[in-house]
């Protein structure tokens, strides 16, 4: 499999705050991003976030949206806003939820790996069957089923692409895991959110 430079495609970054921490999420755009491509991606991102809003913690905040052209590492701000907060109360939750990530996965049509990592989603990972095996399969979460469906639709119209510049096929599951970097950062910071 060919390795592609991180700046092989145009990229958009969603900067957000969730579960007590700031995060950056990278999306890739086809070609040279103009108003049409940026608008299509903004629509896909807005639909994705509105779909998962009922699982986001109430401290969720959209911070910025930036774009870099292919072969560039300079990200410039673009006017875009995600105008809602999450629905799940963070108060009283263990600080460990700050390290919990949900990863949507897939493959490009040429076989390259694709993933989208989301922090700040509330899952009862130790209860019921949702995420108990650290994978949320199709049918275990109506919200994640809708989110993967929306991602698959947006990928099908090339609103976003993979690192190799080709279309993405999003799988009908998401992986749930505690991120090692965030676990180290959270250690010793307290036991629950105030």
N, C-alpha and C. Protein backbone atom coordinates (compact mmCIF):
# COMPACT_ATOMS: atom_id res chain seq x y z
N UNK A 1 0.85 -1.17 0.00
CA UNK A 1 0.00 0.00 0.00
C UNK A 1 0.90 1.24 0.00
N UNK A 2 0.59 2.14 -0.89
CA UNK A 2 1.35 3.38 -1.00
C UNK A 2 1.12 4.26 0.21
N UNK A 3 2.18 4.87 0.70
CA UNK A 3 2.05 5.82 1.80
C UNK A 3 1.87 7.21 1.20
N UNK A 4 0.93 7.97 1.73
CA UNK A 4 0.64 9.31 1.24
C UNK A 4 1.04 10.33 2.30
N UNK A 5 1.57 11.45 1.84
CA UNK A 5 1.94 12.53 2.76
C UNK A 5 0.68 13.06 3.44
N UNK A 6 0.79 13.52 4.67
CA UNK A 6 -0.38 14.08 5.36
C UNK A 6 -1.04 15.23 4.59
N UNK A 7 -0.26 15.94 3.78
CA UNK A 7 -0.83 17.07 3.05
C UNK A 7 -1.10 16.71 1.58
N UNK A 8 -1.29 15.43 1.27
CA UNK A 8 -1.57 14.98 -0.10
C UNK A 8 -2.90 15.54 -0.60
N UNK A 9 -3.86 15.71 0.28
CA UNK A 9 -5.16 16.26 -0.09
C UNK A 9 -5.41 17.55 0.69
N UNK A 10 -6.39 18.31 0.24
CA UNK A 10 -6.83 19.46 1.02
C UNK A 10 -7.46 18.94 2.30
N UNK A 11 -7.31 19.70 3.40
CA UNK A 11 -7.83 19.26 4.69
C UNK A 11 -8.62 20.37 5.37
N UNK A 12 -9.63 19.95 6.08
CA UNK A 12 -10.38 20.87 6.94
C UNK A 12 -10.24 20.36 8.36
N UNK A 13 -10.13 21.28 9.30
CA UNK A 13 -10.03 20.89 10.71
C UNK A 13 -11.16 21.53 11.49
N UNK A 14 -11.85 20.67 12.24
CA UNK A 14 -12.88 21.13 13.16
C UNK A 14 -12.24 21.16 14.55
N UNK A 15 -12.15 22.33 15.13
CA UNK A 15 -11.61 22.49 16.49
C UNK A 15 -12.82 22.55 17.43
N UNK A 16 -12.84 21.69 18.44
CA UNK A 16 -13.98 21.66 19.35
C UNK A 16 -13.53 21.33 20.77
N UNK A 17 -14.41 21.60 21.72
CA UNK A 17 -14.19 21.30 23.13
C UNK A 17 -15.23 20.26 23.53
N UNK A 18 -14.78 19.19 24.19
CA UNK A 18 -15.72 18.15 24.62
C UNK A 18 -15.14 17.39 25.81
N UNK A 19 -15.97 17.09 26.77
CA UNK A 19 -15.59 16.31 27.95
C UNK A 19 -14.36 16.90 28.63
N UNK A 20 -14.33 18.22 28.72
CA UNK A 20 -13.28 18.89 29.47
C UNK A 20 -12.00 19.20 28.71
N UNK A 21 -11.93 18.85 27.41
CA UNK A 21 -10.69 19.04 26.67
C UNK A 21 -10.96 19.58 25.26
N UNK A 22 -9.95 20.24 24.70
CA UNK A 22 -10.02 20.71 23.32
C UNK A 22 -9.47 19.63 22.38
N UNK A 23 -10.10 19.49 21.23
CA UNK A 23 -9.72 18.48 20.25
C UNK A 23 -9.74 19.07 18.85
N UNK A 24 -9.06 18.40 17.93
CA UNK A 24 -9.06 18.78 16.52
C UNK A 24 -9.41 17.54 15.70
N UNK A 25 -10.36 17.71 14.81
CA UNK A 25 -10.82 16.60 13.96
C UNK A 25 -10.50 16.98 12.51
N UNK A 26 -9.86 16.09 11.78
CA UNK A 26 -9.47 16.38 10.40
C UNK A 26 -10.39 15.68 9.41
N UNK A 27 -10.86 16.45 8.43
CA UNK A 27 -11.65 15.95 7.31
C UNK A 27 -10.88 16.28 6.04
N UNK A 28 -10.98 15.47 5.01
CA UNK A 28 -10.26 15.71 3.76
C UNK A 28 -11.23 16.06 2.63
N UNK A 29 -10.81 17.02 1.80
CA UNK A 29 -11.64 17.51 0.71
C UNK A 29 -11.05 17.12 -0.64
N UNK A 30 -11.92 16.91 -1.65
CA UNK A 30 -11.41 16.62 -2.99
C UNK A 30 -10.93 17.89 -3.68
N UNK A 31 -9.90 17.76 -4.52
CA UNK A 31 -9.44 18.87 -5.35
C UNK A 31 -8.98 20.08 -4.57
N UNK A 32 -9.06 21.22 -5.24
CA UNK A 32 -8.76 22.49 -4.59
C UNK A 32 -10.05 23.01 -4.01
N UNK A 33 -10.12 23.18 -2.70
CA UNK A 33 -11.41 23.53 -2.10
C UNK A 33 -11.86 24.95 -2.47
N UNK A 34 -12.98 25.00 -3.14
CA UNK A 34 -13.63 26.26 -3.45
C UNK A 34 -14.92 26.33 -2.66
N UNK A 35 -15.74 27.34 -2.91
CA UNK A 35 -17.01 27.49 -2.16
C UNK A 35 -17.92 26.27 -2.26
N UNK A 36 -17.95 25.60 -3.41
CA UNK A 36 -18.82 24.43 -3.57
C UNK A 36 -18.35 23.28 -2.69
N UNK A 37 -17.05 22.95 -2.76
CA UNK A 37 -16.52 21.84 -1.97
C UNK A 37 -16.59 22.13 -0.48
N UNK A 38 -16.26 23.35 -0.11
CA UNK A 38 -16.31 23.73 1.31
C UNK A 38 -17.75 23.68 1.81
N UNK A 39 -18.68 24.18 1.01
CA UNK A 39 -20.10 24.15 1.39
C UNK A 39 -20.62 22.74 1.56
N UNK A 40 -20.22 21.84 0.65
CA UNK A 40 -20.66 20.44 0.75
C UNK A 40 -20.11 19.79 2.02
N UNK A 41 -18.82 20.06 2.32
CA UNK A 41 -18.23 19.49 3.53
C UNK A 41 -18.87 20.08 4.78
N UNK A 42 -19.11 21.38 4.79
CA UNK A 42 -19.78 22.00 5.94
C UNK A 42 -21.15 21.37 6.16
N UNK A 43 -21.88 21.09 5.08
CA UNK A 43 -23.17 20.42 5.20
C UNK A 43 -23.05 19.04 5.80
N UNK A 44 -22.04 18.28 5.33
CA UNK A 44 -21.81 16.92 5.86
C UNK A 44 -21.43 16.96 7.33
N UNK A 45 -20.56 17.90 7.70
CA UNK A 45 -20.13 18.02 9.10
C UNK A 45 -21.30 18.45 9.97
N UNK A 46 -22.07 19.42 9.51
CA UNK A 46 -23.24 19.87 10.28
C UNK A 46 -24.24 18.75 10.50
N UNK A 47 -24.49 17.95 9.46
CA UNK A 47 -25.41 16.82 9.58
C UNK A 47 -24.87 15.79 10.55
N UNK A 48 -23.58 15.50 10.45
CA UNK A 48 -22.95 14.53 11.36
C UNK A 48 -23.11 14.98 12.81
N UNK A 49 -22.76 16.23 13.11
CA UNK A 49 -22.84 16.72 14.49
C UNK A 49 -24.28 16.82 14.99
N UNK A 50 -25.21 17.20 14.13
CA UNK A 50 -26.60 17.27 14.59
C UNK A 50 -27.13 15.87 14.88
N UNK A 51 -26.61 14.87 14.17
CA UNK A 51 -27.03 13.48 14.41
C UNK A 51 -26.53 12.96 15.76
N UNK A 52 -25.30 13.32 16.13
CA UNK A 52 -24.73 12.80 17.38
C UNK A 52 -24.98 13.71 18.58
N UNK A 53 -25.69 14.81 18.38
CA UNK A 53 -25.87 15.81 19.46
C UNK A 53 -26.46 15.22 20.73
N UNK A 54 -27.37 14.25 20.61
CA UNK A 54 -28.00 13.69 21.81
C UNK A 54 -27.06 12.81 22.62
N UNK A 55 -25.87 12.48 22.09
CA UNK A 55 -24.87 11.72 22.84
C UNK A 55 -23.71 12.59 23.31
N UNK A 56 -23.64 13.85 22.85
CA UNK A 56 -22.54 14.74 23.23
C UNK A 56 -22.76 15.29 24.63
N UNK A 57 -21.67 15.48 25.36
CA UNK A 57 -21.77 16.11 26.68
C UNK A 57 -22.11 17.59 26.54
N UNK A 58 -22.73 18.13 27.56
CA UNK A 58 -23.24 19.51 27.48
C UNK A 58 -22.16 20.58 27.51
N UNK A 59 -20.88 20.20 27.64
CA UNK A 59 -19.81 21.19 27.53
C UNK A 59 -19.27 21.29 26.11
N UNK A 60 -19.88 20.54 25.17
CA UNK A 60 -19.42 20.60 23.79
C UNK A 60 -19.51 22.02 23.27
N UNK A 61 -18.44 22.47 22.63
CA UNK A 61 -18.43 23.80 22.02
C UNK A 61 -17.59 23.75 20.75
N UNK A 62 -18.12 24.31 19.70
CA UNK A 62 -17.39 24.46 18.45
C UNK A 62 -16.43 25.63 18.62
N UNK A 63 -15.15 25.45 18.31
CA UNK A 63 -14.15 26.50 18.51
C UNK A 63 -13.72 27.18 17.22
N UNK A 64 -13.46 26.41 16.17
CA UNK A 64 -12.99 27.01 14.91
C UNK A 64 -13.08 25.98 13.78
N UNK A 65 -13.02 26.50 12.57
CA UNK A 65 -13.01 25.68 11.36
C UNK A 65 -11.93 26.25 10.46
N UNK A 66 -10.93 25.43 10.10
CA UNK A 66 -9.82 25.90 9.28
C UNK A 66 -9.60 24.96 8.10
N UNK A 67 -9.03 25.50 7.01
CA UNK A 67 -8.81 24.71 5.81
C UNK A 67 -7.41 24.96 5.27
N UNK A 68 -6.77 23.89 4.77
CA UNK A 68 -5.47 23.98 4.10
C UNK A 68 -5.60 23.31 2.73
N UNK A 69 -5.01 23.90 1.72
CA UNK A 69 -4.99 23.30 0.39
C UNK A 69 -4.06 22.10 0.38
N UNK A 70 -4.17 21.28 -0.66
CA UNK A 70 -3.24 20.17 -0.84
C UNK A 70 -1.83 20.73 -0.96
N UNK A 71 -0.86 19.99 -0.47
CA UNK A 71 0.56 20.37 -0.48
C UNK A 71 0.86 21.60 0.38
N UNK A 72 -0.04 21.93 1.29
CA UNK A 72 0.18 23.07 2.17
C UNK A 72 -0.06 22.64 3.61
N UNK A 73 0.66 23.24 4.52
CA UNK A 73 0.43 23.01 5.94
C UNK A 73 -0.05 24.27 6.65
N UNK A 74 -0.52 25.22 5.86
CA UNK A 74 -1.04 26.47 6.41
C UNK A 74 -2.56 26.40 6.42
N UNK A 75 -3.12 26.38 7.63
CA UNK A 75 -4.57 26.30 7.81
C UNK A 75 -5.11 27.70 8.03
N UNK A 76 -6.08 28.08 7.21
CA UNK A 76 -6.69 29.41 7.33
C UNK A 76 -8.12 29.26 7.83
N UNK A 77 -8.58 30.20 8.65
CA UNK A 77 -9.94 30.11 9.18
C UNK A 77 -10.99 30.34 8.08
N UNK A 78 -12.08 29.61 8.21
CA UNK A 78 -13.21 29.73 7.31
C UNK A 78 -14.44 29.97 8.16
N UNK A 79 -15.34 30.79 7.69
CA UNK A 79 -16.56 31.09 8.44
C UNK A 79 -17.49 29.88 8.42
N UNK A 80 -17.67 29.28 9.57
CA UNK A 80 -18.55 28.12 9.73
C UNK A 80 -18.77 27.93 11.21
N UNK A 81 -19.96 27.53 11.59
CA UNK A 81 -20.23 27.34 13.01
C UNK A 81 -21.18 26.17 13.22
N UNK A 82 -20.92 25.44 14.26
CA UNK A 82 -21.82 24.38 14.70
C UNK A 82 -22.56 24.96 15.90
N UNK A 83 -23.82 25.29 15.70
CA UNK A 83 -24.52 26.10 16.69
C UNK A 83 -25.38 25.34 17.68
N UNK A 84 -24.85 24.35 18.33
CA UNK A 84 -25.60 23.66 19.37
C UNK A 84 -24.66 23.11 20.41
N UNK A 85 -25.21 22.72 21.52
CA UNK A 85 -24.42 22.06 22.56
C UNK A 85 -24.92 20.63 22.71
N UNK A 86 -24.19 19.86 23.45
CA UNK A 86 -24.59 18.48 23.68
C UNK A 86 -25.75 18.38 24.65
N UNK A 87 -26.32 17.19 24.73
CA UNK A 87 -27.51 16.98 25.53
C UNK A 87 -27.27 16.23 26.84
N UNK A 88 -26.07 15.67 27.03
CA UNK A 88 -25.80 14.83 28.19
C UNK A 88 -25.05 15.64 29.25
N UNK A 89 -25.57 15.65 30.48
CA UNK A 89 -24.91 16.40 31.56
C UNK A 89 -23.55 15.78 31.89
N UNK A 90 -22.52 16.62 31.88
CA UNK A 90 -21.18 16.17 32.22
C UNK A 90 -20.93 16.19 33.73
N UNK A 91 -21.64 17.04 34.42
CA UNK A 91 -21.47 17.18 35.87
C UNK A 91 -21.67 15.84 36.56
N UNK A 92 -20.74 15.50 37.45
CA UNK A 92 -20.83 14.26 38.21
C UNK A 92 -20.25 13.05 37.50
N UNK A 93 -19.86 13.19 36.26
CA UNK A 93 -19.27 12.07 35.51
C UNK A 93 -17.80 11.91 35.91
N UNK A 94 -17.27 10.70 35.84
CA UNK A 94 -15.84 10.52 36.14
C UNK A 94 -14.99 11.22 35.09
N UNK A 95 -13.84 11.73 35.49
CA UNK A 95 -12.96 12.42 34.54
C UNK A 95 -12.48 11.49 33.44
N UNK A 96 -12.57 10.19 33.66
CA UNK A 96 -12.12 9.23 32.64
C UNK A 96 -12.90 9.36 31.34
N UNK A 97 -14.11 9.94 31.36
CA UNK A 97 -14.85 10.10 30.11
C UNK A 97 -14.13 11.04 29.15
N UNK A 98 -13.23 11.87 29.67
CA UNK A 98 -12.44 12.74 28.81
C UNK A 98 -11.48 11.99 27.92
N UNK A 99 -11.15 10.76 28.27
CA UNK A 99 -10.23 9.95 27.47
C UNK A 99 -10.95 8.99 26.54
N UNK A 100 -12.28 8.95 26.62
CA UNK A 100 -13.06 8.00 25.82
C UNK A 100 -13.29 8.54 24.42
N UNK A 101 -12.81 7.79 23.43
CA UNK A 101 -12.99 8.20 22.04
C UNK A 101 -13.87 7.20 21.30
N UNK A 102 -14.57 7.71 20.31
CA UNK A 102 -15.37 6.88 19.43
C UNK A 102 -14.79 7.05 18.04
N UNK A 103 -14.42 5.97 17.40
CA UNK A 103 -13.77 6.02 16.10
C UNK A 103 -14.65 5.36 15.05
N UNK A 104 -15.08 6.17 14.08
CA UNK A 104 -15.78 5.65 12.91
C UNK A 104 -14.70 5.20 11.93
N UNK A 105 -14.86 4.03 11.33
CA UNK A 105 -13.82 3.48 10.47
C UNK A 105 -14.37 3.11 9.11
N UNK A 106 -13.45 2.98 8.18
CA UNK A 106 -13.81 2.59 6.82
C UNK A 106 -12.57 2.38 5.99
N UNK A 107 -12.78 2.25 4.70
CA UNK A 107 -11.69 2.08 3.73
C UNK A 107 -12.00 2.96 2.52
N UNK A 108 -10.94 3.42 1.88
CA UNK A 108 -11.13 4.11 0.61
C UNK A 108 -11.37 3.06 -0.46
N UNK A 109 -11.86 3.49 -1.61
CA UNK A 109 -12.16 2.52 -2.67
C UNK A 109 -10.89 1.85 -3.20
N UNK A 110 -9.72 2.43 -2.92
CA UNK A 110 -8.46 1.79 -3.32
C UNK A 110 -7.86 0.97 -2.19
N UNK A 111 -8.55 0.87 -1.04
CA UNK A 111 -8.11 0.02 0.05
C UNK A 111 -7.39 0.72 1.18
N UNK A 112 -7.23 2.03 1.11
CA UNK A 112 -6.55 2.76 2.17
C UNK A 112 -7.43 2.88 3.41
N UNK A 113 -6.82 2.93 4.59
CA UNK A 113 -7.62 3.05 5.82
C UNK A 113 -8.19 4.47 5.97
N UNK A 114 -9.33 4.56 6.63
CA UNK A 114 -9.96 5.84 6.93
C UNK A 114 -10.54 5.76 8.34
N UNK A 115 -10.42 6.86 9.09
CA UNK A 115 -11.06 6.90 10.41
C UNK A 115 -11.42 8.34 10.76
N UNK A 116 -12.43 8.47 11.58
CA UNK A 116 -12.86 9.76 12.11
C UNK A 116 -13.04 9.57 13.61
N UNK A 117 -12.24 10.28 14.40
CA UNK A 117 -12.26 10.12 15.85
C UNK A 117 -13.09 11.23 16.48
N UNK A 118 -13.97 10.85 17.39
CA UNK A 118 -14.84 11.81 18.08
C UNK A 118 -14.70 11.62 19.58
N UNK A 119 -14.46 12.72 20.27
CA UNK A 119 -14.43 12.72 21.74
C UNK A 119 -15.70 13.37 22.26
N UNK A 120 -16.06 13.04 23.50
CA UNK A 120 -17.19 13.69 24.15
C UNK A 120 -18.53 13.03 23.93
N UNK A 121 -18.55 11.77 23.47
CA UNK A 121 -19.80 11.03 23.33
C UNK A 121 -20.02 10.18 24.57
N UNK A 122 -21.24 10.13 25.04
CA UNK A 122 -21.58 9.38 26.25
C UNK A 122 -22.02 7.98 25.88
N UNK A 123 -21.26 6.99 26.32
CA UNK A 123 -21.63 5.59 26.12
C UNK A 123 -21.53 4.84 27.43
N UNK A 124 -22.51 4.03 27.75
CA UNK A 124 -22.41 3.18 28.95
C UNK A 124 -21.54 1.97 28.63
N UNK A 125 -20.22 2.18 28.58
CA UNK A 125 -19.32 1.11 28.12
C UNK A 125 -19.28 -0.09 29.03
N UNK A 126 -19.65 0.09 30.30
CA UNK A 126 -19.64 -1.07 31.19
C UNK A 126 -21.04 -1.63 31.43
N UNK A 127 -22.03 -1.05 30.80
CA UNK A 127 -23.40 -1.50 31.05
C UNK A 127 -24.08 -1.88 29.74
N UNK A 128 -25.15 -2.61 29.87
CA UNK A 128 -25.94 -3.04 28.71
C UNK A 128 -25.02 -3.72 27.69
N UNK A 129 -25.38 -3.62 26.42
CA UNK A 129 -24.51 -4.21 25.40
C UNK A 129 -23.89 -3.14 24.51
N UNK A 130 -24.22 -1.88 24.73
CA UNK A 130 -23.70 -0.82 23.88
C UNK A 130 -22.25 -0.54 24.24
N UNK A 131 -21.36 -0.93 23.38
CA UNK A 131 -19.94 -0.67 23.60
C UNK A 131 -19.30 -1.53 24.67
N UNK A 132 -20.01 -2.51 25.22
CA UNK A 132 -19.43 -3.34 26.27
C UNK A 132 -18.21 -4.10 25.77
N UNK A 133 -18.17 -4.37 24.45
CA UNK A 133 -17.01 -5.03 23.85
C UNK A 133 -16.13 -4.01 23.12
N UNK A 134 -16.31 -2.73 23.44
CA UNK A 134 -15.56 -1.62 22.84
C UNK A 134 -15.82 -1.47 21.34
N UNK A 135 -16.93 -2.00 20.88
CA UNK A 135 -17.38 -1.79 19.50
C UNK A 135 -18.89 -1.60 19.55
N UNK A 136 -19.36 -0.56 18.90
CA UNK A 136 -20.80 -0.33 18.79
C UNK A 136 -21.20 -0.78 17.39
N UNK A 137 -21.84 -1.94 17.34
CA UNK A 137 -22.23 -2.53 16.06
C UNK A 137 -23.55 -1.96 15.58
N UNK A 138 -23.84 -2.17 14.31
CA UNK A 138 -25.12 -1.74 13.74
C UNK A 138 -26.25 -2.33 14.57
N UNK A 139 -27.22 -1.49 14.90
CA UNK A 139 -28.37 -1.93 15.69
C UNK A 139 -28.22 -1.73 17.18
N UNK A 140 -27.02 -1.43 17.68
CA UNK A 140 -26.83 -1.23 19.11
C UNK A 140 -27.07 0.22 19.54
N UNK A 141 -26.99 1.15 18.61
CA UNK A 141 -27.21 2.56 18.92
C UNK A 141 -27.89 3.22 17.73
N UNK A 142 -29.12 3.67 17.93
CA UNK A 142 -29.84 4.35 16.85
C UNK A 142 -29.07 5.57 16.39
N UNK A 143 -28.48 6.30 17.35
CA UNK A 143 -27.74 7.51 17.01
C UNK A 143 -26.52 7.19 16.16
N UNK A 144 -25.74 6.17 16.54
CA UNK A 144 -24.55 5.84 15.75
C UNK A 144 -24.91 5.21 14.43
N UNK A 145 -26.02 4.48 14.36
CA UNK A 145 -26.48 3.97 13.07
C UNK A 145 -26.77 5.13 12.13
N UNK A 146 -27.44 6.16 12.65
CA UNK A 146 -27.75 7.33 11.83
C UNK A 146 -26.48 8.08 11.44
N UNK A 147 -25.53 8.19 12.38
CA UNK A 147 -24.28 8.89 12.08
C UNK A 147 -23.48 8.17 11.00
N UNK A 148 -23.34 6.85 11.10
CA UNK A 148 -22.60 6.12 10.07
C UNK A 148 -23.34 6.19 8.73
N UNK A 149 -24.65 6.16 8.78
CA UNK A 149 -25.43 6.33 7.54
C UNK A 149 -25.21 7.68 6.90
N UNK A 150 -25.20 8.74 7.72
CA UNK A 150 -24.94 10.08 7.19
C UNK A 150 -23.52 10.20 6.64
N UNK A 151 -22.55 9.62 7.34
CA UNK A 151 -21.17 9.65 6.84
C UNK A 151 -21.05 8.89 5.52
N UNK A 152 -21.71 7.75 5.42
CA UNK A 152 -21.66 6.95 4.20
C UNK A 152 -22.28 7.72 3.02
N UNK A 153 -23.40 8.40 3.29
CA UNK A 153 -24.04 9.21 2.24
C UNK A 153 -23.13 10.34 1.79
N UNK A 154 -22.55 11.06 2.75
CA UNK A 154 -21.66 12.18 2.41
C UNK A 154 -20.42 11.69 1.68
N UNK A 155 -19.89 10.53 2.08
CA UNK A 155 -18.72 9.97 1.40
C UNK A 155 -19.08 9.55 -0.02
N UNK A 156 -20.30 9.06 -0.20
CA UNK A 156 -20.76 8.64 -1.52
C UNK A 156 -20.87 9.77 -2.52
N UNK A 157 -21.05 10.97 -2.03
CA UNK A 157 -21.11 12.14 -2.92
C UNK A 157 -19.79 12.91 -2.90
N UNK A 158 -18.75 12.29 -2.34
CA UNK A 158 -17.41 12.89 -2.25
C UNK A 158 -17.39 14.22 -1.52
N UNK A 159 -18.26 14.38 -0.51
CA UNK A 159 -18.19 15.58 0.33
C UNK A 159 -16.90 15.56 1.14
N UNK A 160 -16.41 14.36 1.45
CA UNK A 160 -15.08 14.19 2.04
C UNK A 160 -14.46 12.94 1.42
N UNK A 161 -13.14 12.83 1.51
CA UNK A 161 -12.42 11.73 0.87
C UNK A 161 -11.39 11.16 1.85
N UNK A 162 -10.69 10.14 1.42
CA UNK A 162 -9.63 9.54 2.22
C UNK A 162 -8.29 10.20 1.95
N UNK A 163 -7.28 9.77 2.69
CA UNK A 163 -5.93 10.33 2.57
C UNK A 163 -5.35 10.13 1.17
N UNK A 164 -5.79 9.10 0.46
CA UNK A 164 -5.27 8.83 -0.88
C UNK A 164 -6.03 9.59 -1.97
N UNK A 165 -6.99 10.42 -1.58
CA UNK A 165 -7.73 11.23 -2.54
C UNK A 165 -8.90 10.53 -3.18
N UNK A 166 -9.27 9.34 -2.69
CA UNK A 166 -10.39 8.61 -3.28
C UNK A 166 -11.57 8.53 -2.29
N UNK A 167 -12.70 8.09 -2.83
CA UNK A 167 -13.93 8.01 -2.04
C UNK A 167 -13.78 7.02 -0.88
N UNK A 168 -14.59 7.24 0.15
CA UNK A 168 -14.55 6.43 1.37
C UNK A 168 -15.81 5.57 1.49
N UNK A 169 -15.62 4.34 1.94
CA UNK A 169 -16.74 3.47 2.31
C UNK A 169 -16.69 3.34 3.83
N UNK A 170 -17.72 3.88 4.50
CA UNK A 170 -17.76 3.90 5.96
C UNK A 170 -18.42 2.61 6.45
N UNK A 171 -17.78 1.94 7.40
CA UNK A 171 -18.33 0.70 7.95
C UNK A 171 -19.48 1.01 8.91
N UNK A 172 -20.33 0.03 9.12
CA UNK A 172 -21.54 0.21 9.93
C UNK A 172 -21.30 -0.07 11.41
N UNK A 173 -20.14 0.31 11.92
CA UNK A 173 -19.84 0.17 13.35
C UNK A 173 -18.88 1.27 13.74
N UNK A 174 -18.72 1.45 15.04
CA UNK A 174 -17.74 2.40 15.57
C UNK A 174 -17.02 1.73 16.73
N UNK A 175 -15.73 2.01 16.85
CA UNK A 175 -14.94 1.48 17.95
C UNK A 175 -14.87 2.50 19.08
N UNK A 176 -14.97 2.01 20.30
CA UNK A 176 -14.92 2.86 21.49
C UNK A 176 -13.67 2.46 22.27
N UNK A 177 -12.86 3.45 22.67
CA UNK A 177 -11.61 3.13 23.36
C UNK A 177 -11.20 4.28 24.25
N UNK A 178 -10.39 3.96 25.24
CA UNK A 178 -9.77 4.99 26.06
C UNK A 178 -8.43 5.34 25.42
N UNK A 179 -8.25 6.58 25.02
CA UNK A 179 -7.04 7.03 24.37
C UNK A 179 -5.91 7.13 25.39
N UNK A 180 -4.76 6.51 25.08
CA UNK A 180 -3.64 6.44 26.03
C UNK A 180 -3.08 7.83 26.36
N UNK A 181 -3.00 8.71 25.37
CA UNK A 181 -2.48 10.06 25.63
C UNK A 181 -3.37 10.80 26.61
N UNK A 182 -4.69 10.74 26.38
CA UNK A 182 -5.61 11.44 27.28
C UNK A 182 -5.66 10.78 28.66
N UNK A 183 -5.47 9.46 28.74
CA UNK A 183 -5.41 8.80 30.05
C UNK A 183 -4.26 9.36 30.86
N UNK A 184 -3.08 9.49 30.23
CA UNK A 184 -1.92 10.04 30.95
C UNK A 184 -2.16 11.48 31.39
N UNK A 185 -2.79 12.28 30.54
CA UNK A 185 -3.04 13.68 30.89
C UNK A 185 -4.06 13.82 32.01
N UNK A 186 -5.00 12.89 32.09
CA UNK A 186 -6.08 12.97 33.06
C UNK A 186 -5.65 12.45 34.43
N UNK A 187 -4.70 11.55 34.48
CA UNK A 187 -4.27 10.98 35.77
C UNK A 187 -3.94 12.07 36.78
N UNK A 188 -4.50 11.94 37.98
CA UNK A 188 -4.20 12.87 39.06
C UNK A 188 -4.95 14.19 38.99
N UNK A 189 -5.96 14.30 38.10
CA UNK A 189 -6.68 15.57 37.98
C UNK A 189 -7.97 15.61 38.78
N UNK A 190 -8.31 14.55 39.46
CA UNK A 190 -9.56 14.51 40.22
C UNK A 190 -10.37 13.29 39.83
N UNK A 191 -11.52 13.17 40.45
CA UNK A 191 -12.30 11.96 40.19
C UNK A 191 -13.57 12.20 39.37
N UNK A 192 -14.21 13.37 39.54
CA UNK A 192 -15.44 13.66 38.80
C UNK A 192 -15.43 15.11 38.31
N UNK A 193 -16.24 15.35 37.27
CA UNK A 193 -16.44 16.72 36.80
C UNK A 193 -17.34 17.45 37.77
N UNK A 194 -17.02 18.70 38.03
CA UNK A 194 -17.83 19.51 38.96
C UNK A 194 -19.10 19.98 38.30
